Amino acid sequence: MRHATFRQLKVFEAVARHLSYSRAAEELHLTQPAVSTQIARLEEHAGNVLFEQFGKKIYLTPAGAQLLQISRTIIDQFEQAASAMAQCRGVSGGRLDVGVISAGDYFFPRLLIEFVGRHSGVTLNFSVHNREELIARLADNLTDLAIMTRPPTELDTENRAFAPHPYVIVAPPTHALAGRQRIPLAEVLRHPFVAREAGSDTWKAMRDAFGDALDGLQPAMQIRSTETLKQAVIAGFGLSFLSAHTIGRERQAGSLVVLDVEGFPLWQQWYVVHRRGKHLPPVAQAFKDFLLADGEALIEQALSGAPANT
């Protein structure tokens, strides 16, 4: 069977299904002699007779019956491959691989829901990581798009800003600084802090905001989880520097307040990032365009609780 062709298997399957050379020829837009020739060549490759004829009727031989099952599996696999390749050429039915840093976990699912609502049949591979993990996934080509605040400098990437990203200093509502106006940063830094781990996007943003004063900061705790960090602030372990996009529920509940500190909020940007020169699948390119066109407005809606305009 090494030299059998897909065309011969297709012709064989049609003849076996109809048990008729003429009807198979009509379906395949071939002449009946051409069908007979393809079957004869396939029988040579198989080393077995595939059909037998009694009177005007033809029947599958035992070898033909076995080959029919195998042929249908092969044809089905080819059709699945063709479908998969067609999906890769288009948006609908495509697979979107996207990763986001942990601060984006608070609004990003809303954006994905909106995008999928606009493009039926899209499947998602969505994951949340710290900065180091997300950059590693980009480096290893494990994700098409990365959503982060600070694009990597260690990789050659294309970075497009699509929405502002404010950072603030938060406290429990009972803190001595809560409710004060225009608090000097130097005074804030005299209080205990809980912080994200060094190397995270939040830590790097905090370094931008605090400058040289960060060297003198002795965090009471460094925590990898934003959720755990917020609970530590609520419990009174210290102030914290956080993305404003991560504290909406706590502000509404009154368990956290944003301090009015001079020079704050610190405004940075959300970026959609991918390796430069990467051939983005159509669904990834469509999602990138979607973020650039509507990402900012949809983030505002997600964080305010307003319904999306679908």
Protein backbone atom coordinates (compact mmCIF):
# COMPACT_ATOMS: atom_id res chain seq x y z
CA MET A 1 0.00 0.00 0.00
CA ARG A 2 3.04 2.24 0.10
CA HIS A 3 2.35 3.72 -3.31
CA ALA A 4 -1.44 4.02 -3.02
CA THR A 5 -2.73 7.57 -3.44
CA PHE A 6 -5.36 9.56 -1.60
CA ARG A 7 -7.23 9.92 -4.90
CA GLN A 8 -7.41 6.14 -5.27
CA LEU A 9 -8.78 5.79 -1.74
CA LYS A 10 -11.42 8.45 -2.45
CA VAL A 11 -12.50 6.64 -5.62
CA PHE A 12 -12.56 3.31 -3.80
CA GLU A 13 -14.68 4.72 -0.97
CA ALA A 14 -17.20 6.15 -3.44
CA VAL A 15 -17.52 2.86 -5.34
CA ALA A 16 -17.84 0.91 -2.06
CA ARG A 17 -20.51 3.30 -0.78
CA HIS A 18 -22.61 3.12 -3.94
CA LEU A 19 -21.59 -0.43 -4.92
CA SER A 20 -21.63 1.01 -8.41
CA TYR A 21 -18.82 2.22 -10.70
CA SER A 22 -21.16 4.42 -12.70
CA ARG A 23 -22.69 6.20 -9.70
CA ALA A 24 -19.24 6.75 -8.19
CA ALA A 25 -18.05 8.17 -11.52
CA GLU A 26 -21.02 10.57 -11.57
CA GLU A 27 -20.36 11.74 -8.00
CA LEU A 28 -16.65 12.28 -8.64
CA HIS A 29 -17.12 13.84 -12.10
CA LEU A 30 -15.01 11.13 -13.70
CA THR A 31 -15.61 8.71 -16.53
CA GLN A 32 -16.44 5.14 -15.62
CA PRO A 33 -13.21 3.84 -17.26
CA ALA A 34 -11.19 6.30 -15.14
CA VAL A 35 -12.85 4.93 -11.99
CA SER A 36 -12.15 1.35 -13.07
CA THR A 37 -8.49 2.27 -13.70
CA GLN A 38 -8.09 3.80 -10.23
CA ILE A 39 -9.60 0.71 -8.57
CA ALA A 40 -7.36 -1.61 -10.58
CA ARG A 41 -4.26 0.33 -9.52
CA LEU A 42 -5.36 0.31 -5.88
CA GLU A 43 -5.87 -3.47 -6.03
CA GLU A 44 -2.31 -3.80 -7.37
CA HIS A 45 -0.95 -1.77 -4.45
CA ALA A 46 -3.09 -3.71 -1.96
CA GLY A 47 -2.20 -7.10 -3.41
CA ASN A 48 -5.86 -8.08 -3.01
CA VAL A 49 -9.07 -8.06 -5.01
CA LEU A 50 -11.34 -5.45 -3.44
CA PHE A 51 -14.59 -6.07 -5.34
CA GLU A 52 -16.26 -9.12 -6.83
CA GLN A 53 -19.15 -9.13 -9.29
CA PHE A 54 -22.11 -11.49 -9.59
CA GLY A 55 -24.36 -10.69 -12.48
CA LYS A 56 -24.81 -6.93 -12.61
CA LYS A 57 -24.05 -6.36 -8.90
CA ILE A 58 -20.70 -5.81 -7.27
CA TYR A 59 -19.79 -6.64 -3.68
CA LEU A 60 -16.89 -5.89 -1.38
CA THR A 61 -14.51 -8.75 -0.72
CA PRO A 62 -13.35 -9.30 2.90
CA ALA A 63 -10.16 -7.41 2.03
CA GLY A 64 -12.24 -4.63 0.50
CA ALA A 65 -14.40 -4.38 3.63
CA GLN A 66 -11.32 -3.96 5.83
CA LEU A 67 -9.78 -1.39 3.51
CA LEU A 68 -13.06 0.56 3.41
CA GLN A 69 -12.93 1.17 7.18
CA ILE A 70 -9.31 2.27 6.97
CA SER A 71 -9.98 4.46 3.92
CA ARG A 72 -12.81 6.28 5.67
CA THR A 73 -10.56 6.98 8.65
CA ILE A 74 -7.87 8.39 6.36
CA ILE A 75 -10.37 10.51 4.43
CA ASP A 76 -11.82 11.82 7.68
CA GLN A 77 -8.34 12.76 8.91
CA PHE A 78 -7.65 14.65 5.69
CA GLU A 79 -10.93 16.51 6.02
CA GLN A 80 -10.10 17.44 9.63
CA ALA A 81 -6.70 18.69 8.51
CA ALA A 82 -8.29 20.79 5.78
CA SER A 83 -10.76 22.23 8.29
CA ALA A 84 -7.97 23.04 10.76
CA MET A 85 -5.94 24.78 8.07
CA ALA A 86 -8.99 26.78 7.00
CA GLN A 87 -9.52 27.88 10.59
CA CYS A 88 -5.91 29.03 10.77
CA ARG A 89 -6.59 31.23 7.74
CA GLY A 90 -9.61 32.85 9.39
CA VAL A 91 -10.85 34.22 12.72
CA SER A 92 -14.00 32.18 13.32
CA GLY A 93 -13.04 28.75 14.54
CA GLY A 94 -9.50 29.88 15.38
CA ARG A 95 -7.66 29.29 18.66
CA LEU A 96 -6.55 32.37 20.61
CA ASP A 97 -3.45 31.86 22.78
CA VAL A 98 -3.00 34.82 25.13
CA GLY A 99 -1.33 35.32 28.50
CA VAL A 100 -1.72 38.20 30.95
CA ILE A 101 0.07 39.37 34.08
CA SER A 102 -1.88 38.89 37.29
CA ALA A 103 -3.14 42.49 37.54
CA GLY A 104 -5.04 41.97 34.27
CA ASP A 105 -6.93 39.02 35.68
CA TYR A 106 -9.45 41.45 37.20
CA PHE A 107 -10.79 42.74 33.88
CA PHE A 108 -9.36 40.57 31.11
CA PRO A 109 -12.05 37.85 31.10
CA ARG A 110 -14.59 40.58 30.28
CA LEU A 111 -12.59 41.52 27.19
CA LEU A 112 -12.34 37.88 26.11
CA ILE A 113 -16.10 37.41 26.48
CA GLU A 114 -16.73 40.48 24.34
CA PHE A 115 -14.30 39.30 21.65
CA VAL A 116 -15.73 35.78 21.52
CA GLY A 117 -19.21 37.30 21.28
CA ARG A 118 -18.12 39.11 18.14
CA HIS A 119 -16.36 36.11 16.58
CA SER A 120 -18.27 32.87 16.91
CA GLY A 121 -16.38 29.62 17.10
CA VAL A 122 -13.19 31.06 18.63
CA THR A 123 -11.62 28.85 21.30
CA LEU A 124 -9.43 30.27 24.07
CA ASN A 125 -6.17 29.29 25.68
CA PHE A 126 -5.98 32.00 28.37
CA SER A 127 -3.48 31.94 31.24
CA VAL A 128 -2.40 34.27 34.04
CA HIS A 129 1.26 34.58 35.05
CA ASN A 130 3.72 36.75 36.89
CA ARG A 131 6.02 38.84 34.72
CA GLU A 132 8.90 36.36 34.67
CA GLU A 133 6.66 33.46 33.68
CA LEU A 134 4.93 35.43 30.94
CA ILE A 135 8.20 36.57 29.39
CA ALA A 136 9.42 32.96 29.44
CA ARG A 137 6.29 31.88 27.57
CA LEU A 138 6.93 34.57 24.95
CA ALA A 139 10.57 33.47 24.65
CA ASP A 140 9.55 29.82 24.18
CA ASN A 141 6.80 30.73 21.68
CA LEU A 142 4.13 29.23 23.97
CA THR A 143 1.76 32.17 23.64
CA ASP A 144 0.86 34.36 20.68
CA LEU A 145 0.10 37.52 22.65
CA ALA A 146 1.11 38.77 26.10
CA ILE A 147 -0.73 41.51 28.00
CA MET A 148 1.51 43.40 30.41
CA THR A 149 2.44 46.81 31.72
CA ARG A 150 6.17 46.80 31.03
CA PRO A 151 7.23 45.19 27.74
CA PRO A 152 10.36 43.05 28.04
CA THR A 153 13.73 44.51 27.13
CA GLU A 154 15.43 41.12 26.93
CA LEU A 155 13.36 40.03 23.90
CA ASP A 156 12.84 41.66 20.52
CA THR A 157 9.11 42.35 20.73
CA GLU A 158 6.47 44.53 19.12
CA ASN A 159 4.61 46.46 21.82
CA ARG A 160 1.40 48.46 21.37
CA ALA A 161 -0.19 50.45 24.19
CA PHE A 162 -3.97 50.09 24.30
CA ALA A 163 -5.16 51.42 27.70
CA PRO A 164 -3.92 53.46 30.67
CA HIS A 165 -2.93 51.59 33.83
CA PRO A 166 -2.98 53.57 37.10
CA TYR A 167 -1.10 52.54 40.25
CA VAL A 168 -2.12 53.82 43.70
CA ILE A 169 -1.19 53.48 47.36
CA VAL A 170 -3.84 51.72 49.43
CA ALA A 171 -4.58 51.38 53.13
CA PRO A 172 -7.28 50.00 55.41
CA PRO A 173 -9.95 52.62 56.14
CA THR A 174 -8.84 52.85 59.79
CA HIS A 175 -5.26 53.83 58.90
CA ALA A 176 -3.94 57.13 60.27
CA LEU A 177 -3.37 58.48 56.75
CA ALA A 178 -6.84 57.59 55.45
CA GLY A 179 -8.81 60.70 54.56
CA ARG A 180 -5.84 63.08 54.55
CA GLN A 181 -5.20 65.33 51.55
CA ARG A 182 -2.02 65.66 49.50
CA ILE A 183 0.14 63.42 51.67
CA PRO A 184 3.89 63.78 50.93
CA LEU A 185 5.42 60.56 49.63
CA ALA A 186 8.22 60.77 52.21
CA GLU A 187 5.62 60.59 54.99
CA VAL A 188 3.94 57.60 53.37
CA LEU A 189 7.22 55.73 53.21
CA ARG A 190 7.71 56.00 56.95
CA HIS A 191 4.84 53.53 57.43
CA PRO A 192 5.12 49.73 57.11
CA PHE A 193 4.56 48.37 53.60
CA VAL A 194 3.56 45.03 52.14
CA ALA A 195 4.70 44.62 48.56
CA ARG A 196 4.69 42.33 45.56
CA GLU A 197 7.82 40.29 44.97
CA ALA A 198 10.91 41.91 43.46
CA GLY A 199 10.90 41.52 39.67
CA SER A 200 7.13 41.64 39.27
CA ASP A 201 5.55 44.33 37.11
CA THR A 202 4.08 45.92 40.24
CA TRP A 203 7.47 46.03 41.96
CA LYS A 204 9.07 47.63 38.89
CA ALA A 205 6.28 50.21 38.73
CA MET A 206 6.80 50.92 42.43
CA ARG A 207 10.49 51.47 41.76
CA ASP A 208 9.56 54.03 39.10
CA ALA A 209 7.23 55.81 41.53
CA PHE A 210 9.49 55.80 44.59
CA GLY A 211 12.83 56.32 42.88
CA ASP A 212 15.84 56.23 45.21
CA ALA A 213 13.49 56.16 48.21
CA LEU A 214 12.73 52.51 47.39
CA ASP A 215 16.19 51.53 48.59
CA GLY A 216 15.25 52.58 52.11
CA LEU A 217 11.91 50.80 52.08
CA GLN A 218 11.82 47.71 54.26
CA PRO A 219 8.61 45.84 53.38
CA ALA A 220 6.96 44.05 56.27
CA MET A 221 6.18 41.29 53.79
CA GLN A 222 6.74 40.50 50.10
CA ILE A 223 3.90 38.48 48.63
CA ARG A 224 3.56 36.87 45.19
CA SER A 225 -0.25 36.88 45.21
CA THR A 226 -2.18 40.13 44.75
CA GLU A 227 -5.17 38.64 46.55
CA THR A 228 -3.09 37.66 49.58
CA LEU A 229 -1.40 41.05 49.57
CA LYS A 230 -4.77 42.84 49.67
CA GLN A 231 -5.86 40.72 52.61
CA ALA A 232 -2.63 41.61 54.42
CA VAL A 233 -3.38 45.32 53.96
CA ILE A 234 -6.97 44.87 55.13
CA ALA A 235 -5.66 43.04 58.21
CA GLY A 236 -3.44 46.01 59.07
CA PHE A 237 0.03 44.72 58.19
CA GLY A 238 0.85 47.87 56.23
CA LEU A 239 0.22 50.07 53.21
CA SER A 240 0.71 48.80 49.69
CA PHE A 241 1.37 49.97 46.15
CA LEU A 242 -1.10 48.29 43.78
CA SER A 243 -2.70 48.52 40.40
CA ALA A 244 -5.97 50.43 40.69
CA HIS A 245 -7.41 47.78 38.41
CA THR A 246 -7.07 45.14 41.14
CA ILE A 247 -8.94 46.80 44.02
CA GLY A 248 -12.39 47.64 42.64
CA ARG A 249 -14.30 45.16 44.80
CA GLU A 250 -12.46 46.15 47.98
CA ARG A 251 -13.07 49.84 47.40
CA GLN A 252 -16.77 49.24 46.80
CA ALA A 253 -16.93 47.15 49.99
CA GLY A 254 -15.07 49.81 51.96
CA SER A 255 -12.31 47.44 53.08
CA LEU A 256 -9.58 49.38 51.25
CA VAL A 257 -9.12 53.09 50.55
CA VAL A 258 -6.84 54.88 48.11
CA LEU A 259 -4.58 57.41 49.81
CA ASP A 260 -4.30 60.91 48.37
CA VAL A 261 -0.52 60.93 47.90
CA GLU A 262 1.38 63.65 46.03
CA GLY A 263 2.34 62.44 42.55
CA PHE A 264 -0.26 59.68 42.46
CA PRO A 265 -1.81 57.88 40.70
CA LEU A 266 1.25 56.71 38.78
CA TRP A 267 0.05 56.34 35.20
CA GLN A 268 1.49 53.62 33.02
CA GLN A 269 0.06 51.71 30.05
CA TRP A 270 -1.30 48.28 29.24
CA TYR A 271 0.52 46.79 26.26
CA VAL A 272 -0.27 43.96 23.88
CA VAL A 273 3.07 42.29 23.15
CA HIS A 274 4.32 39.64 20.72
CA ARG A 275 7.64 38.56 19.30
CA ARG A 276 8.76 40.80 16.45
CA GLY A 277 8.44 39.00 13.15
CA LYS A 278 6.01 36.43 14.55
CA HIS A 279 3.37 35.31 12.08
CA LEU A 280 0.25 35.99 14.10
CA PRO A 281 -2.70 33.69 13.34
CA PRO A 282 -5.67 35.67 12.04
CA VAL A 283 -7.52 35.24 15.34
CA ALA A 284 -4.55 36.70 17.28
CA GLN A 285 -4.26 39.62 14.86
CA ALA A 286 -8.00 40.24 15.18
CA PHE A 287 -7.73 40.23 18.98
CA LYS A 288 -4.81 42.66 18.87
CA ASP A 289 -6.83 45.00 16.63
CA PHE A 290 -9.79 44.60 18.99
CA LEU A 291 -7.69 45.67 21.99
CA LEU A 292 -6.27 48.69 20.16
CA ALA A 293 -9.72 49.82 19.05
CA ASP A 294 -11.91 49.02 22.08
CA GLY A 295 -9.69 47.82 24.93
CA GLU A 296 -9.62 51.06 26.91
CA ALA A 297 -13.40 51.56 26.86
CA LEU A 298 -14.09 47.92 27.72
CA ILE A 299 -11.67 47.98 30.66
CA GLU A 300 -13.46 51.04 32.02
CA GLN A 301 -16.80 49.26 31.64
CA ALA A 302 -15.48 46.09 33.28
CA LEU A 303 -14.11 47.95 36.28
CA SER A 304 -17.17 50.13 36.70
CA GLY A 305 -19.58 47.20 36.38
CA ALA A 306 -21.29 48.77 33.35
CA PRO A 307 -22.63 46.39 30.67
CA ALA A 308 -20.65 45.97 27.49
CA ASN A 309 -22.07 47.44 24.29
CA THR A 310 -22.44 44.34 22.22
